[in-house]
Amino acid sequence: MRVLLLADTHGQIDARIAALARDGDVIVHAGDVGNATVLDTLRAGGAKVIAIRGNNDIASKWPRGERLELDALEDEARVELPGGTLIAVHGDRYAPATRHARLRAAYPDARAIVYGHSHRLVVDDAATPWVLNPGAAGRARTFGGPSCLVLAARVKDWRVETRRFERS
């Protein structure tokens, strides 16, 4: 199963990441979506889209008329995949210095945890559960260019591929 992991679009998804979304089986957005257009773009390829609320996903920052889409976002998601469970949280409730340790302690039965918020691409697979941050998939604070992760989830093994694009 091919799972696209992204976060921190803030209302604008990079076109190259949107193209990757068309090839995914499942898309997981780890918060700070920004508007319903981002979700519609992700859904265009027919994949199952799971998106959670980030600290900037609030009514005052979303376009008027998109309240139903905003209200549908949960604070976290549990995604059952071949070979284990992926947890999606935004990460803003965890201090950076202890974030990975606290996430692992909070979700010990997960195979991996994906979070956003920092806009920094990270693959911490030194311990289980893995702690993954796909970086920023939009234009805001990309720290080297828009990025995402592609997770190949199989019953026997999981593999993560980083994808970073040059700023356009």
N, C-alpha and C. Protein backbone atom coordinates (compact mmCIF):
# COMPACT_ATOMS: atom_id res chain seq x y z
N MET A 1 0.85 -1.18 0.00
CA MET A 1 0.00 0.00 0.00
C MET A 1 0.89 1.24 0.00
N ARG A 2 0.56 2.17 -0.85
CA ARG A 2 1.33 3.41 -0.96
C ARG A 2 0.59 4.52 -0.21
N VAL A 3 1.27 5.11 0.78
CA VAL A 3 0.66 6.13 1.62
C VAL A 3 1.47 7.42 1.49
N LEU A 4 0.81 8.48 1.07
CA LEU A 4 1.46 9.78 1.00
C LEU A 4 1.24 10.50 2.32
N LEU A 5 2.33 10.94 2.93
CA LEU A 5 2.29 11.67 4.20
C LEU A 5 2.68 13.11 3.94
N LEU A 6 1.83 14.04 4.36
CA LEU A 6 2.13 15.45 4.18
C LEU A 6 1.55 16.26 5.32
N ALA A 7 1.97 17.51 5.40
CA ALA A 7 1.50 18.41 6.46
C ALA A 7 1.77 19.85 6.05
N ASP A 8 1.21 20.75 6.81
CA ASP A 8 1.53 22.17 6.74
C ASP A 8 1.44 22.76 5.33
N THR A 9 0.28 22.56 4.72
CA THR A 9 0.02 23.19 3.43
C THR A 9 -0.43 24.64 3.60
N HIS A 10 -1.08 24.95 4.68
CA HIS A 10 -1.55 26.31 4.96
C HIS A 10 -2.30 26.91 3.77
N GLY A 11 -3.13 26.09 3.15
CA GLY A 11 -4.00 26.57 2.08
C GLY A 11 -3.43 26.49 0.68
N GLN A 12 -2.18 26.04 0.53
CA GLN A 12 -1.57 25.94 -0.80
C GLN A 12 -0.72 24.68 -0.86
N ILE A 13 -1.11 23.76 -1.73
CA ILE A 13 -0.32 22.54 -1.89
C ILE A 13 0.56 22.66 -3.13
N ASP A 14 1.80 22.28 -2.99
CA ASP A 14 2.72 22.30 -4.12
C ASP A 14 2.20 21.35 -5.21
N ALA A 15 2.23 21.78 -6.45
CA ALA A 15 1.68 21.00 -7.56
C ALA A 15 2.39 19.65 -7.73
N ARG A 16 3.67 19.58 -7.42
CA ARG A 16 4.40 18.32 -7.55
C ARG A 16 3.97 17.32 -6.48
N ILE A 17 3.61 17.81 -5.31
CA ILE A 17 3.10 16.93 -4.26
C ILE A 17 1.67 16.52 -4.59
N ALA A 18 0.89 17.44 -5.15
CA ALA A 18 -0.47 17.09 -5.60
C ALA A 18 -0.40 15.98 -6.65
N ALA A 19 0.59 16.03 -7.53
CA ALA A 19 0.75 14.98 -8.54
C ALA A 19 1.07 13.63 -7.89
N LEU A 20 1.90 13.64 -6.86
CA LEU A 20 2.19 12.39 -6.13
C LEU A 20 0.93 11.83 -5.48
N ALA A 21 0.07 12.71 -5.04
CA ALA A 21 -1.16 12.28 -4.38
C ALA A 21 -2.05 11.46 -5.31
N ARG A 22 -1.97 11.72 -6.60
CA ARG A 22 -2.79 10.97 -7.56
C ARG A 22 -2.38 9.51 -7.66
N ASP A 23 -1.18 9.18 -7.19
CA ASP A 23 -0.69 7.80 -7.25
C ASP A 23 -0.79 7.07 -5.91
N GLY A 24 -1.34 7.70 -4.91
CA GLY A 24 -1.41 7.09 -3.58
C GLY A 24 -2.67 6.28 -3.37
N ASP A 25 -2.59 5.32 -2.47
CA ASP A 25 -3.76 4.57 -2.04
C ASP A 25 -4.45 5.29 -0.88
N VAL A 26 -3.62 5.86 0.00
CA VAL A 26 -4.10 6.60 1.16
C VAL A 26 -3.23 7.85 1.28
N ILE A 27 -3.86 8.95 1.64
CA ILE A 27 -3.14 10.21 1.88
C ILE A 27 -3.45 10.64 3.30
N VAL A 28 -2.39 10.93 4.05
CA VAL A 28 -2.56 11.38 5.43
C VAL A 28 -1.95 12.77 5.55
N HIS A 29 -2.79 13.74 5.92
CA HIS A 29 -2.36 15.12 6.10
C HIS A 29 -2.32 15.38 7.61
N ALA A 30 -1.13 15.73 8.12
CA ALA A 30 -0.92 15.88 9.56
C ALA A 30 -1.14 17.31 10.05
N GLY A 31 -2.10 18.01 9.48
CA GLY A 31 -2.56 19.27 10.04
C GLY A 31 -2.01 20.54 9.43
N ASP A 32 -2.68 21.64 9.75
CA ASP A 32 -2.52 22.94 9.13
C ASP A 32 -2.81 22.83 7.64
N VAL A 33 -4.01 22.34 7.38
CA VAL A 33 -4.52 22.14 6.02
C VAL A 33 -4.72 23.50 5.36
N GLY A 34 -5.50 24.36 5.98
CA GLY A 34 -5.68 25.72 5.50
C GLY A 34 -6.96 26.03 4.76
N ASN A 35 -7.49 25.07 4.00
CA ASN A 35 -8.76 25.29 3.31
C ASN A 35 -9.24 24.00 2.66
N ALA A 36 -10.49 24.01 2.21
CA ALA A 36 -11.09 22.83 1.59
C ALA A 36 -10.50 22.54 0.21
N THR A 37 -9.95 23.54 -0.45
CA THR A 37 -9.36 23.33 -1.77
C THR A 37 -8.20 22.34 -1.69
N VAL A 38 -7.41 22.42 -0.64
CA VAL A 38 -6.32 21.46 -0.45
C VAL A 38 -6.88 20.06 -0.37
N LEU A 39 -7.92 19.87 0.41
CA LEU A 39 -8.53 18.54 0.56
C LEU A 39 -9.12 18.06 -0.76
N ASP A 40 -9.78 18.95 -1.50
CA ASP A 40 -10.35 18.59 -2.81
C ASP A 40 -9.25 18.17 -3.78
N THR A 41 -8.13 18.87 -3.75
CA THR A 41 -6.99 18.52 -4.61
C THR A 41 -6.46 17.14 -4.27
N LEU A 42 -6.36 16.85 -3.00
CA LEU A 42 -5.87 15.52 -2.58
C LEU A 42 -6.85 14.42 -2.96
N ARG A 43 -8.13 14.70 -2.90
CA ARG A 43 -9.15 13.69 -3.22
C ARG A 43 -9.29 13.44 -4.73
N ALA A 44 -8.75 14.32 -5.55
CA ALA A 44 -8.95 14.25 -7.00
C ALA A 44 -8.49 12.94 -7.62
N GLY A 45 -7.50 12.30 -7.05
CA GLY A 45 -6.99 11.04 -7.59
C GLY A 45 -7.75 9.82 -7.13
N GLY A 46 -8.70 10.00 -6.23
CA GLY A 46 -9.52 8.89 -5.77
C GLY A 46 -9.00 8.16 -4.53
N ALA A 47 -7.87 8.59 -4.01
CA ALA A 47 -7.33 7.95 -2.80
C ALA A 47 -8.16 8.33 -1.58
N LYS A 48 -8.08 7.50 -0.57
CA LYS A 48 -8.71 7.82 0.71
C LYS A 48 -7.86 8.92 1.36
N VAL A 49 -8.51 10.00 1.76
CA VAL A 49 -7.80 11.13 2.38
C VAL A 49 -8.19 11.22 3.85
N ILE A 50 -7.17 11.21 4.69
CA ILE A 50 -7.35 11.37 6.13
C ILE A 50 -6.59 12.62 6.52
N ALA A 51 -7.30 13.60 7.04
CA ALA A 51 -6.66 14.86 7.43
C ALA A 51 -7.06 15.19 8.86
N ILE A 52 -6.11 15.73 9.60
CA ILE A 52 -6.38 16.14 10.97
C ILE A 52 -6.21 17.65 11.10
N ARG A 53 -6.65 18.16 12.22
CA ARG A 53 -6.62 19.59 12.52
C ARG A 53 -5.25 19.97 13.08
N GLY A 54 -4.71 21.07 12.56
CA GLY A 54 -3.51 21.66 13.13
C GLY A 54 -3.86 22.90 13.92
N ASN A 55 -2.89 23.49 14.57
CA ASN A 55 -3.16 24.66 15.40
C ASN A 55 -3.63 25.86 14.59
N ASN A 56 -3.38 25.88 13.27
CA ASN A 56 -3.87 26.97 12.43
C ASN A 56 -5.17 26.65 11.71
N ASP A 57 -5.69 25.46 11.93
CA ASP A 57 -6.97 25.08 11.33
C ASP A 57 -8.10 25.53 12.26
N ILE A 58 -8.34 26.84 12.21
CA ILE A 58 -9.38 27.47 13.04
C ILE A 58 -10.25 28.33 12.13
N ALA A 59 -11.46 28.58 12.57
CA ALA A 59 -12.44 29.28 11.74
C ALA A 59 -11.93 30.62 11.21
N SER A 60 -11.20 31.37 12.02
CA SER A 60 -10.74 32.69 11.59
C SER A 60 -9.68 32.63 10.49
N LYS A 61 -9.08 31.47 10.28
CA LYS A 61 -8.04 31.33 9.25
C LYS A 61 -8.50 30.55 8.03
N TRP A 62 -9.72 30.02 8.06
CA TRP A 62 -10.27 29.29 6.90
C TRP A 62 -11.25 30.19 6.18
N PRO A 63 -11.40 30.00 4.87
CA PRO A 63 -12.39 30.80 4.12
C PRO A 63 -13.80 30.59 4.65
N ARG A 64 -14.57 31.64 4.59
CA ARG A 64 -15.98 31.52 4.96
C ARG A 64 -16.65 30.52 4.05
N GLY A 65 -17.61 29.80 4.57
CA GLY A 65 -18.32 28.82 3.78
C GLY A 65 -17.68 27.44 3.79
N GLU A 66 -16.55 27.29 4.46
CA GLU A 66 -15.88 25.99 4.52
C GLU A 66 -15.88 25.41 5.93
N ARG A 67 -16.82 25.87 6.72
CA ARG A 67 -16.88 25.46 8.13
C ARG A 67 -17.13 23.96 8.30
N LEU A 68 -17.96 23.36 7.43
CA LEU A 68 -18.25 21.92 7.54
C LEU A 68 -16.98 21.10 7.34
N GLU A 69 -16.17 21.47 6.35
CA GLU A 69 -14.90 20.76 6.12
C GLU A 69 -13.97 20.93 7.31
N LEU A 70 -13.88 22.14 7.83
CA LEU A 70 -13.03 22.40 8.99
C LEU A 70 -13.50 21.61 10.20
N ASP A 71 -14.80 21.64 10.46
CA ASP A 71 -15.35 20.93 11.63
C ASP A 71 -15.18 19.42 11.53
N ALA A 72 -15.02 18.90 10.32
CA ALA A 72 -14.84 17.45 10.14
C ALA A 72 -13.44 16.98 10.52
N LEU A 73 -12.49 17.90 10.68
CA LEU A 73 -11.13 17.52 11.03
C LEU A 73 -11.04 17.13 12.50
N GLU A 74 -10.48 15.97 12.76
CA GLU A 74 -10.26 15.51 14.13
C GLU A 74 -8.89 15.98 14.60
N ASP A 75 -8.62 15.86 15.90
CA ASP A 75 -7.32 16.25 16.46
C ASP A 75 -6.23 15.21 16.18
N GLU A 76 -6.64 13.97 15.98
CA GLU A 76 -5.67 12.92 15.65
C GLU A 76 -6.39 11.83 14.88
N ALA A 77 -5.61 10.99 14.23
CA ALA A 77 -6.19 9.87 13.48
C ALA A 77 -5.36 8.63 13.70
N ARG A 78 -6.05 7.51 13.70
CA ARG A 78 -5.43 6.19 13.81
C ARG A 78 -5.73 5.50 12.48
N VAL A 79 -4.69 5.14 11.74
CA VAL A 79 -4.85 4.57 10.41
C VAL A 79 -4.29 3.16 10.43
N GLU A 80 -5.17 2.18 10.20
CA GLU A 80 -4.74 0.79 10.16
C GLU A 80 -4.22 0.48 8.75
N LEU A 81 -2.98 0.06 8.68
CA LEU A 81 -2.32 -0.24 7.41
C LEU A 81 -1.77 -1.67 7.45
N PRO A 82 -1.45 -2.24 6.31
CA PRO A 82 -0.81 -3.56 6.34
C PRO A 82 0.46 -3.50 7.20
N GLY A 83 0.55 -4.35 8.19
CA GLY A 83 1.73 -4.39 9.03
C GLY A 83 1.75 -3.50 10.24
N GLY A 84 0.69 -2.74 10.48
CA GLY A 84 0.69 -1.92 11.69
C GLY A 84 -0.19 -0.70 11.61
N THR A 85 -0.08 0.11 12.65
CA THR A 85 -0.90 1.30 12.81
C THR A 85 -0.05 2.55 12.65
N LEU A 86 -0.59 3.50 11.90
CA LEU A 86 0.01 4.82 11.76
C LEU A 86 -0.86 5.79 12.54
N ILE A 87 -0.25 6.59 13.38
CA ILE A 87 -0.94 7.64 14.13
C ILE A 87 -0.59 8.98 13.50
N ALA A 88 -1.58 9.83 13.33
CA ALA A 88 -1.35 11.19 12.83
C ALA A 88 -1.77 12.19 13.91
N VAL A 89 -0.86 13.05 14.29
CA VAL A 89 -1.11 14.16 15.21
C VAL A 89 -0.40 15.38 14.64
N HIS A 90 -0.81 16.56 15.06
CA HIS A 90 -0.12 17.73 14.50
C HIS A 90 1.22 17.99 15.19
N GLY A 91 1.32 17.72 16.47
CA GLY A 91 2.59 17.85 17.16
C GLY A 91 2.78 19.13 17.94
N ASP A 92 1.86 20.08 17.82
CA ASP A 92 2.02 21.36 18.49
C ASP A 92 1.89 21.27 20.00
N ARG A 93 1.38 20.18 20.50
CA ARG A 93 1.20 20.03 21.95
C ARG A 93 2.41 19.40 22.64
N TYR A 94 3.47 19.20 21.86
CA TYR A 94 4.69 18.57 22.38
C TYR A 94 5.87 19.51 22.17
N ALA A 95 6.61 19.79 23.25
CA ALA A 95 7.78 20.67 23.15
C ALA A 95 8.83 20.02 22.24
N PRO A 96 9.48 20.83 21.40
CA PRO A 96 10.44 20.26 20.44
C PRO A 96 11.53 19.39 21.07
N ALA A 97 12.05 19.78 22.21
CA ALA A 97 13.17 19.04 22.81
C ALA A 97 12.80 17.62 23.22
N THR A 98 11.54 17.41 23.54
CA THR A 98 11.11 16.08 24.01
C THR A 98 10.04 15.46 23.13
N ARG A 99 9.78 16.08 21.98
CA ARG A 99 8.65 15.69 21.14
C ARG A 99 8.69 14.21 20.76
N HIS A 100 9.80 13.72 20.25
CA HIS A 100 9.84 12.34 19.77
C HIS A 100 9.65 11.34 20.92
N ALA A 101 10.31 11.58 22.03
CA ALA A 101 10.18 10.68 23.19
C ALA A 101 8.75 10.69 23.70
N ARG A 102 8.14 11.86 23.77
CA ARG A 102 6.77 11.94 24.28
C ARG A 102 5.76 11.33 23.32
N LEU A 103 5.98 11.50 22.01
CA LEU A 103 5.10 10.85 21.04
C LEU A 103 5.21 9.34 21.14
N ARG A 104 6.43 8.83 21.25
CA ARG A 104 6.61 7.38 21.39
C ARG A 104 5.94 6.86 22.67
N ALA A 105 6.05 7.61 23.74
CA ALA A 105 5.42 7.20 25.00
C ALA A 105 3.90 7.25 24.90
N ALA A 106 3.37 8.21 24.18
CA ALA A 106 1.91 8.38 24.06
C ALA A 106 1.28 7.31 23.16
N TYR A 107 2.05 6.80 22.18
CA TYR A 107 1.51 5.85 21.20
C TYR A 107 2.44 4.64 21.05
N PRO A 108 2.67 3.90 22.13
CA PRO A 108 3.66 2.80 22.08
C PRO A 108 3.27 1.65 21.16
N ASP A 109 1.99 1.49 20.87
CA ASP A 109 1.56 0.37 20.04
C ASP A 109 1.56 0.69 18.54
N ALA A 110 1.88 1.91 18.19
CA ALA A 110 1.91 2.30 16.78
C ALA A 110 3.19 1.79 16.13
N ARG A 111 3.13 1.62 14.83
CA ARG A 111 4.34 1.30 14.08
C ARG A 111 5.05 2.59 13.69
N ALA A 112 4.25 3.64 13.46
CA ALA A 112 4.82 4.95 13.13
C ALA A 112 3.85 6.04 13.55
N ILE A 113 4.41 7.23 13.78
CA ILE A 113 3.65 8.42 14.12
C ILE A 113 4.07 9.50 13.14
N VAL A 114 3.10 10.12 12.49
CA VAL A 114 3.40 11.24 11.60
C VAL A 114 2.86 12.51 12.25
N TYR A 115 3.68 13.54 12.24
CA TYR A 115 3.27 14.82 12.80
C TYR A 115 3.73 15.95 11.88
N GLY A 116 3.21 17.13 12.10
CA GLY A 116 3.59 18.31 11.34
C GLY A 116 4.11 19.38 12.26
N HIS A 117 3.63 20.58 12.09
CA HIS A 117 3.85 21.74 12.93
C HIS A 117 5.22 22.39 12.75
N SER A 118 6.30 21.66 12.79
CA SER A 118 7.63 22.27 12.73
C SER A 118 8.04 22.66 11.31
N HIS A 119 7.37 22.10 10.31
CA HIS A 119 7.69 22.34 8.90
C HIS A 119 9.05 21.74 8.53
N ARG A 120 9.61 20.89 9.36
CA ARG A 120 10.94 20.32 9.12
C ARG A 120 10.83 18.83 8.81
N LEU A 121 11.41 18.45 7.70
CA LEU A 121 11.41 17.06 7.24
C LEU A 121 12.29 16.21 8.17
N VAL A 122 11.67 15.15 8.76
CA VAL A 122 12.39 14.29 9.69
C VAL A 122 11.91 12.85 9.51
N VAL A 123 12.87 11.93 9.44
CA VAL A 123 12.55 10.50 9.50
C VAL A 123 13.38 9.94 10.64
N ASP A 124 12.74 9.72 11.78
CA ASP A 124 13.40 9.16 12.96
C ASP A 124 12.94 7.71 13.09
N ASP A 125 13.72 6.80 12.49
CA ASP A 125 13.39 5.38 12.53
C ASP A 125 14.38 4.61 13.41
N ALA A 126 15.01 5.33 14.35
CA ALA A 126 15.98 4.73 15.24
C ALA A 126 15.32 3.83 16.29
N ALA A 127 14.04 4.04 16.53
CA ALA A 127 13.30 3.25 17.51
C ALA A 127 11.87 3.11 17.00
N THR A 128 11.16 2.16 17.59
CA THR A 128 9.76 1.96 17.24
C THR A 128 8.91 2.50 18.38
N PRO A 129 7.84 3.23 18.07
CA PRO A 129 7.39 3.60 16.74
C PRO A 129 8.30 4.65 16.09
N TRP A 130 8.35 4.59 14.76
CA TRP A 130 9.05 5.63 14.03
C TRP A 130 8.32 6.95 14.25
N VAL A 131 9.06 8.04 14.20
CA VAL A 131 8.47 9.37 14.29
C VAL A 131 8.84 10.11 13.01
N LEU A 132 7.82 10.49 12.26
CA LEU A 132 7.99 11.03 10.93
C LEU A 132 7.38 12.42 10.82
N ASN A 133 8.10 13.34 10.19
CA ASN A 133 7.55 14.64 9.87
C ASN A 133 7.82 14.88 8.39
N PRO A 134 6.76 15.01 7.59
CA PRO A 134 6.95 15.19 6.16
C PRO A 134 7.40 16.59 5.74
N GLY A 135 7.58 17.50 6.68
CA GLY A 135 7.93 18.86 6.34
C GLY A 135 6.70 19.62 5.85
N ALA A 136 6.92 20.70 5.13
CA ALA A 136 5.82 21.54 4.65
C ALA A 136 5.55 21.25 3.18
N ALA A 137 4.29 20.95 2.86
CA ALA A 137 3.91 20.61 1.49
C ALA A 137 3.33 21.80 0.73
N GLY A 138 3.40 22.97 1.32
CA GLY A 138 2.90 24.17 0.67
C GLY A 138 4.03 25.13 0.34
N ARG A 139 3.81 26.41 0.63
CA ARG A 139 4.83 27.43 0.35
C ARG A 139 5.42 28.04 1.60
N ALA A 140 4.74 27.89 2.73
CA ALA A 140 5.16 28.55 3.97
C ALA A 140 6.27 27.78 4.67
N ARG A 141 7.38 28.46 4.92
CA ARG A 141 8.48 27.89 5.71
C ARG A 141 8.81 26.45 5.29
N THR A 142 9.28 26.26 4.08
CA THR A 142 9.58 24.91 3.60
C THR A 142 11.00 24.45 3.95
N PHE A 143 11.83 25.34 4.41
CA PHE A 143 13.20 24.98 4.84
C PHE A 143 13.91 24.10 3.82
N GLY A 144 14.05 24.62 2.61
CA GLY A 144 14.77 23.88 1.58
C GLY A 144 13.89 23.44 0.43
N GLY A 145 12.61 23.68 0.51
CA GLY A 145 11.68 23.32 -0.55
C GLY A 145 10.55 22.46 -0.04
N PRO A 146 9.42 22.46 -0.74
CA PRO A 146 8.27 21.66 -0.33
C PRO A 146 8.65 20.18 -0.25
N SER A 147 8.07 19.49 0.72
CA SER A 147 8.44 18.09 0.91
C SER A 147 7.27 17.26 1.40
N CYS A 148 7.45 15.95 1.29
CA CYS A 148 6.48 14.98 1.78
C CYS A 148 7.22 13.65 1.96
N LEU A 149 6.50 12.67 2.46
CA LEU A 149 7.05 11.32 2.61
C LEU A 149 6.12 10.36 1.90
N VAL A 150 6.70 9.31 1.32
CA VAL A 150 5.92 8.24 0.73
C VAL A 150 6.23 6.98 1.52
N LEU A 151 5.20 6.44 2.14
CA LEU A 151 5.33 5.22 2.94
C LEU A 151 4.82 4.04 2.14
N ALA A 152 5.66 3.05 1.97
CA ALA A 152 5.24 1.78 1.37
C ALA A 152 4.97 0.84 2.55
N ALA A 153 3.70 0.55 2.79
CA ALA A 153 3.30 -0.26 3.95
C ALA A 153 2.94 -1.66 3.48
N ARG A 154 3.74 -2.61 3.90
CA ARG A 154 3.48 -4.02 3.62
C ARG A 154 3.38 -4.74 4.95
N VAL A 155 2.76 -5.90 4.95
CA VAL A 155 2.60 -6.65 6.20
C VAL A 155 3.95 -6.92 6.85
N LYS A 156 4.94 -7.29 6.06
CA LYS A 156 6.24 -7.67 6.63
C LYS A 156 7.20 -6.51 6.82
N ASP A 157 7.06 -5.44 6.05
CA ASP A 157 7.98 -4.32 6.23
C ASP A 157 7.37 -3.02 5.75
N TRP A 158 7.88 -1.93 6.30
CA TRP A 158 7.52 -0.59 5.90
C TRP A 158 8.79 0.11 5.43
N ARG A 159 8.64 0.93 4.41
CA ARG A 159 9.75 1.72 3.91
C ARG A 159 9.27 3.15 3.71
N VAL A 160 10.14 4.10 4.03
CA VAL A 160 9.80 5.51 3.88
C VAL A 160 10.77 6.16 2.90
N GLU A 161 10.20 6.86 1.95
CA GLU A 161 10.99 7.61 0.97
C GLU A 161 10.72 9.10 1.17
N THR A 162 11.77 9.88 1.27
CA THR A 162 11.61 11.33 1.39
C THR A 162 11.55 11.94 -0.01
N ARG A 163 10.71 12.94 -0.15
CA ARG A 163 10.60 13.67 -1.41
C ARG A 163 10.66 15.16 -1.08
N ARG A 164 11.68 15.81 -1.61
CA ARG A 164 11.82 17.26 -1.44
C ARG A 164 12.01 17.86 -2.83
N PHE A 165 11.32 18.96 -3.05
CA PHE A 165 11.35 19.62 -4.35
C PHE A 165 12.00 21.00 -4.21
N GLU A 166 12.61 21.45 -5.27
CA GLU A 166 13.17 22.80 -5.28
C GLU A 166 12.04 23.80 -5.18
N ARG A 167 12.32 24.92 -4.55
CA ARG A 167 11.31 25.98 -4.48
C ARG A 167 10.99 26.46 -5.87
N SER A 168 9.69 26.66 -6.13
CA SER A 168 9.32 27.12 -7.48
C SER A 168 9.14 28.61 -7.53
